[in-house]
Protein backbone atom coordinates (compact mmCIF):
# COMPACT_ATOMS: atom_id res chain seq x y z
CA MET A 1 -64.30 10.44 -2.37
CA ARG A 2 -61.46 12.29 -4.01
CA LYS A 3 -61.57 12.96 -7.80
CA LEU A 4 -58.98 11.26 -9.96
CA SER A 5 -56.74 13.34 -12.16
CA PHE A 6 -56.28 12.70 -15.90
CA LYS A 7 -52.76 11.43 -15.25
CA GLN A 8 -54.10 8.91 -12.65
CA ILE A 9 -56.78 7.64 -15.04
CA VAL A 10 -54.17 7.15 -17.72
CA ASP A 11 -51.81 5.32 -15.31
CA ILE A 12 -54.64 3.02 -14.16
CA LEU A 13 -55.61 2.28 -17.79
CA LEU A 14 -51.98 1.49 -18.68
CA ILE A 15 -51.52 -0.79 -15.71
CA VAL A 16 -54.68 -2.67 -16.58
CA LEU A 17 -53.57 -2.98 -20.20
CA MET A 18 -50.16 -4.34 -19.09
CA LEU A 19 -51.91 -6.81 -16.72
CA VAL A 20 -54.21 -8.17 -19.51
CA PHE A 21 -51.33 -8.38 -21.95
CA ALA A 22 -49.10 -10.14 -19.44
CA GLY A 23 -51.90 -12.51 -18.43
CA GLN A 24 -52.43 -13.66 -21.99
CA ASN A 25 -48.69 -14.45 -22.38
CA VAL A 26 -47.95 -17.15 -19.81
CA ALA A 27 -45.91 -19.47 -21.98
CA SER A 28 -42.22 -20.15 -21.24
CA VAL A 29 -39.59 -18.57 -23.39
CA HIS A 30 -35.88 -19.30 -23.70
CA LEU A 31 -33.68 -16.30 -22.96
CA GLN A 32 -30.10 -15.87 -23.94
CA PHE A 33 -28.01 -13.18 -22.24
CA LEU A 34 -24.23 -13.18 -22.80
CA PHE A 35 -23.13 -16.66 -21.80
CA PHE A 36 -26.28 -17.57 -19.94
CA GLY A 37 -29.43 -19.15 -21.23
CA PHE A 38 -32.55 -20.01 -19.21
CA GLU A 39 -36.23 -20.66 -19.44
CA LEU A 40 -38.67 -18.09 -17.96
CA PRO A 41 -42.38 -17.59 -18.13
CA LEU A 42 -43.19 -14.66 -20.44
CA ILE A 43 -45.41 -13.07 -17.78
CA ILE A 44 -42.42 -12.77 -15.47
CA LEU A 45 -40.27 -11.20 -18.23
CA ILE A 46 -43.10 -8.66 -19.15
CA GLY A 47 -43.50 -7.73 -15.42
CA PHE A 48 -39.67 -7.32 -15.05
CA VAL A 49 -39.38 -5.06 -18.03
CA PHE A 50 -42.37 -2.92 -16.85
CA PHE A 51 -40.78 -2.62 -13.49
CA ILE A 52 -37.47 -1.45 -15.10
CA GLY A 53 -39.25 1.02 -17.25
CA TYR A 54 -41.10 2.32 -14.12
CA LEU A 55 -37.82 2.77 -12.22
CA THR A 56 -36.27 4.57 -15.18
CA ALA A 57 -39.23 6.98 -15.42
CA ILE A 58 -38.93 7.78 -11.71
CA LEU A 59 -35.18 8.42 -11.99
CA PHE A 60 -35.41 10.72 -15.02
CA ARG A 61 -38.79 12.38 -14.40
CA LYS A 62 -39.03 16.15 -14.82
CA LYS A 63 -39.22 18.11 -11.59
CA ASP A 64 -42.70 19.72 -10.94
CA LYS A 65 -43.00 23.36 -10.12
CA SER A 66 -42.93 22.91 -6.29
CA GLU A 67 -39.70 20.97 -6.57
CA LYS A 68 -38.17 23.59 -8.81
CA SER A 69 -39.12 26.42 -6.54
CA VAL A 70 -37.53 24.56 -3.57
CA ALA A 71 -34.37 23.99 -5.66
CA LEU A 72 -34.25 27.71 -6.57
CA GLU A 73 -34.83 28.79 -2.96
CA ASN A 74 -31.93 26.53 -1.93
CA LYS A 75 -29.70 27.93 -4.63
CA ASP A 76 -30.60 31.57 -3.58
CA ALA A 77 -29.77 30.68 0.04
CA LYS A 78 -26.38 29.44 -1.05
CA VAL A 79 -25.72 32.58 -2.95
CA VAL A 80 -26.78 34.75 0.07
CA ASN A 81 -24.42 32.83 2.38
CA GLU A 82 -21.32 33.15 0.21
CA PRO A 83 -18.71 35.59 1.62
CA THR A 84 -18.00 38.57 -0.27
CA GLU A 85 -14.46 40.00 -1.09
CA SER A 86 -14.86 42.59 1.81
CA ASP A 87 -15.61 39.74 4.24
CA ILE A 88 -12.51 37.82 3.23
CA SER A 89 -10.18 40.84 3.41
CA ASN A 90 -11.30 41.63 7.09
């Protein structure tokens, strides 16, 4: 069995806490957005907001070291492939 990292343990705990919180809030609420109003179970709203936060975190996450090194390698490769002035004049 593979050992869980600290980040994975924290992620699991946060998901469990979110599920317990959402499970205790099943009453319907009235939402008003611009000109629209509707009833929605609070558990659905909590899940939707959690999902939007998750997507936002993925989109704006910091790159880890391996992704940075690949990006730097690609940048160096582009620099190496650029023509010099002597190449243009010939």
